[in-house]
Amino acid sequence: MNEIDIEGESPWFDETDLGKNCSWLQNRPELEEELKIEVELREILNESTFLELKFLVAALYKENWIKDHLIKNCLGHIGTLEGELYSIMKEQKK
């Protein structure tokens, strides 16, 4: 099988992507983690069969859906807590 060449810009966030107020959202891996990810991606792209890729895509799709809903639920809960905090602070000012 021909080796696939993966080149281009880093897919990770740079410091200007989200702004200073949302820097906690930036999730840049350590160099060792980034290299491990790169090695694993190259192994998948260079040595996987079509059937293996189908199963991988299906598993990743399901995992992504679960994580999307987890994040959505967390953000909803954070919004509720912030609303409660605002109400408490408003009452304390009276």
C-alpha atoms as a PDB file:
ATOM      1  CA  MET A   1       0.000   0.000   0.000  1.00  0.00           C
ATOM      2  CA  ASN A   2       1.265   3.485  -0.827  1.00  0.00           C
ATOM      3  CA  GLU A   3       2.235   5.666   2.099  1.00  0.00           C
ATOM      4  CA  ILE A   4      -0.005   8.697   2.551  1.00  0.00           C
ATOM      5  CA  ASP A   5       1.793  11.982   3.036  1.00  0.00           C
ATOM      6  CA  ILE A   6       0.166  14.162   5.697  1.00  0.00           C
ATOM      7  CA  GLU A   7       1.345  17.728   5.545  1.00  0.00           C
ATOM      8  CA  GLY A   8      -0.047  21.148   6.270  1.00  0.00           C
ATOM      9  CA  GLU A   9      -0.707  23.427   9.162  1.00  0.00           C
ATOM     10  CA  SER A  10      -1.233  22.148  12.672  1.00  0.00           C
ATOM     11  CA  PRO A  11      -4.903  21.388  13.396  1.00  0.00           C
ATOM     12  CA  TRP A  12      -4.543  22.613  16.974  1.00  0.00           C
ATOM     13  CA  PHE A  13      -5.679  26.031  18.146  1.00  0.00           C
ATOM     14  CA  ASP A  14      -3.227  28.874  18.154  1.00  0.00           C
ATOM     15  CA  GLU A  15      -3.407  31.627  20.761  1.00  0.00           C
ATOM     16  CA  THR A  16      -5.505  33.947  18.579  1.00  0.00           C
ATOM     17  CA  ASP A  17      -8.293  31.497  17.658  1.00  0.00           C
ATOM     18  CA  LEU A  18     -10.580  31.991  20.613  1.00  0.00           C
ATOM     19  CA  GLY A  19      -9.356  35.179  22.187  1.00  0.00           C
ATOM     20  CA  LYS A  20      -7.937  35.802  25.610  1.00  0.00           C
ATOM     21  CA  ASN A  21     -11.229  35.342  27.487  1.00  0.00           C
ATOM     22  CA  CYS A  22     -11.730  31.789  26.228  1.00  0.00           C
ATOM     23  CA  SER A  23      -8.162  30.529  26.510  1.00  0.00           C
ATOM     24  CA  TRP A  24      -9.357  27.776  28.864  1.00  0.00           C
ATOM     25  CA  LEU A  25     -11.198  26.263  25.880  1.00  0.00           C
ATOM     26  CA  GLN A  26      -7.988  25.777  23.968  1.00  0.00           C
ATOM     27  CA  ASN A  27      -6.894  22.186  24.116  1.00  0.00           C
ATOM     28  CA  ARG A  28      -3.423  21.936  22.681  1.00  0.00           C
ATOM     29  CA  PRO A  29      -1.692  18.656  23.475  1.00  0.00           C
ATOM     30  CA  GLU A  30       1.820  18.469  24.838  1.00  0.00           C
ATOM     31  CA  LEU A  31       4.486  17.782  22.214  1.00  0.00           C
ATOM     32  CA  GLU A  32       4.733  14.099  23.191  1.00  0.00           C
ATOM     33  CA  GLU A  33       0.949  13.707  22.915  1.00  0.00           C
ATOM     34  CA  GLU A  34       0.860  15.483  19.562  1.00  0.00           C
ATOM     35  CA  LEU A  35       3.586  13.200  18.209  1.00  0.00           C
ATOM     36  CA  LYS A  36       1.762  10.107  19.490  1.00  0.00           C
ATOM     37  CA  ILE A  37      -1.443  11.297  17.812  1.00  0.00           C
ATOM     38  CA  GLU A  38       0.436  11.911  14.562  1.00  0.00           C
ATOM     39  CA  VAL A  39       1.971   8.418  14.623  1.00  0.00           C
ATOM     40  CA  GLU A  40      -1.422   6.823  15.278  1.00  0.00           C
ATOM     41  CA  LEU A  41      -3.057   8.835  12.476  1.00  0.00           C
ATOM     42  CA  ARG A  42      -0.382   7.785  10.019  1.00  0.00           C
ATOM     43  CA  GLU A  43      -0.792   4.136  11.019  1.00  0.00           C
ATOM     44  CA  ILE A  44      -4.536   4.356  10.436  1.00  0.00           C
ATOM     45  CA  LEU A  45      -4.174   6.064   7.072  1.00  0.00           C
ATOM     46  CA  ASN A  46      -1.344   3.875   5.812  1.00  0.00           C
ATOM     47  CA  GLU A  47      -2.303   0.391   6.969  1.00  0.00           C
ATOM     48  CA  SER A  48      -6.056   0.160   7.556  1.00  0.00           C
ATOM     49  CA  THR A  49      -8.381  -1.718   5.247  1.00  0.00           C
ATOM     50  CA  PHE A  50     -11.595  -0.186   3.982  1.00  0.00           C
ATOM     51  CA  LEU A  51     -13.652  -2.329   6.371  1.00  0.00           C
ATOM     52  CA  GLU A  52     -11.497  -1.291   9.346  1.00  0.00           C
ATOM     53  CA  LEU A  53     -11.947   2.365   8.360  1.00  0.00           C
ATOM     54  CA  LYS A  54     -15.728   1.919   8.171  1.00  0.00           C
ATOM     55  CA  PHE A  55     -15.799   0.543  11.718  1.00  0.00           C
ATOM     56  CA  LEU A  56     -13.461   3.289  12.931  1.00  0.00           C
ATOM     57  CA  VAL A  57     -15.622   6.009  11.371  1.00  0.00           C
ATOM     58  CA  ALA A  58     -18.767   4.496  12.909  1.00  0.00           C
ATOM     59  CA  ALA A  59     -17.157   4.325  16.361  1.00  0.00           C
ATOM     60  CA  LEU A  60     -15.837   7.885  16.098  1.00  0.00           C
ATOM     61  CA  TYR A  61     -19.230   9.163  14.944  1.00  0.00           C
ATOM     62  CA  LYS A  62     -20.932   7.596  17.961  1.00  0.00           C
ATOM     63  CA  GLU A  63     -18.250   8.886  20.356  1.00  0.00           C
ATOM     64  CA  ASN A  64     -18.503  12.385  18.865  1.00  0.00           C
ATOM     65  CA  TRP A  65     -22.296  12.388  19.287  1.00  0.00           C
ATOM     66  CA  ILE A  66     -21.959  11.352  22.936  1.00  0.00           C
ATOM     67  CA  LYS A  67     -19.368  14.058  23.619  1.00  0.00           C
ATOM     68  CA  ASP A  68     -21.457  16.708  21.821  1.00  0.00           C
ATOM     69  CA  HIS A  69     -24.439  15.933  24.044  1.00  0.00           C
ATOM     70  CA  LEU A  70     -22.285  15.822  27.162  1.00  0.00           C
ATOM     71  CA  ILE A  71     -20.932  19.290  26.366  1.00  0.00           C
ATOM     72  CA  LYS A  72     -24.443  20.571  25.582  1.00  0.00           C
ATOM     73  CA  ASN A  73     -25.731  19.267  28.933  1.00  0.00           C
ATOM     74  CA  CYS A  74     -22.747  20.712  30.797  1.00  0.00           C
ATOM     75  CA  LEU A  75     -23.237  24.140  29.220  1.00  0.00           C
ATOM     76  CA  GLY A  76     -26.930  24.051  30.121  1.00  0.00           C
ATOM     77  CA  HIS A  77     -26.062  23.178  33.709  1.00  0.00           C
ATOM     78  CA  ILE A  78     -23.457  25.952  33.856  1.00  0.00           C
ATOM     79  CA  GLY A  79     -26.074  28.410  32.569  1.00  0.00           C
ATOM     80  CA  THR A  80     -28.510  27.307  35.276  1.00  0.00           C
ATOM     81  CA  LEU A  81     -25.864  27.679  37.980  1.00  0.00           C
ATOM     82  CA  GLU A  82     -24.867  31.122  36.696  1.00  0.00           C
ATOM     83  CA  GLY A  83     -28.533  32.161  36.776  1.00  0.00           C
ATOM     84  CA  GLU A  84     -28.847  30.976  40.374  1.00  0.00           C
ATOM     85  CA  LEU A  85     -25.641  32.790  41.305  1.00  0.00           C
ATOM     86  CA  TYR A  86     -26.907  35.990  39.678  1.00  0.00           C
ATOM     87  CA  SER A  87     -30.176  35.727  41.623  1.00  0.00           C
ATOM     88  CA  ILE A  88     -28.301  35.224  44.909  1.00  0.00           C
ATOM     89  CA  MET A  89     -26.005  38.189  44.216  1.00  0.00           C
ATOM     90  CA  LYS A  90     -28.997  40.352  43.285  1.00  0.00           C
ATOM     91  CA  GLU A  91     -30.769  39.430  46.557  1.00  0.00           C
ATOM     92  CA  GLN A  92     -27.644  40.206  48.588  1.00  0.00           C
ATOM     93  CA  LYS A  93     -27.437  43.707  47.103  1.00  0.00           C
ATOM     94  CA  LYS A  94     -30.957  44.551  48.359  1.00  0.00           C
END
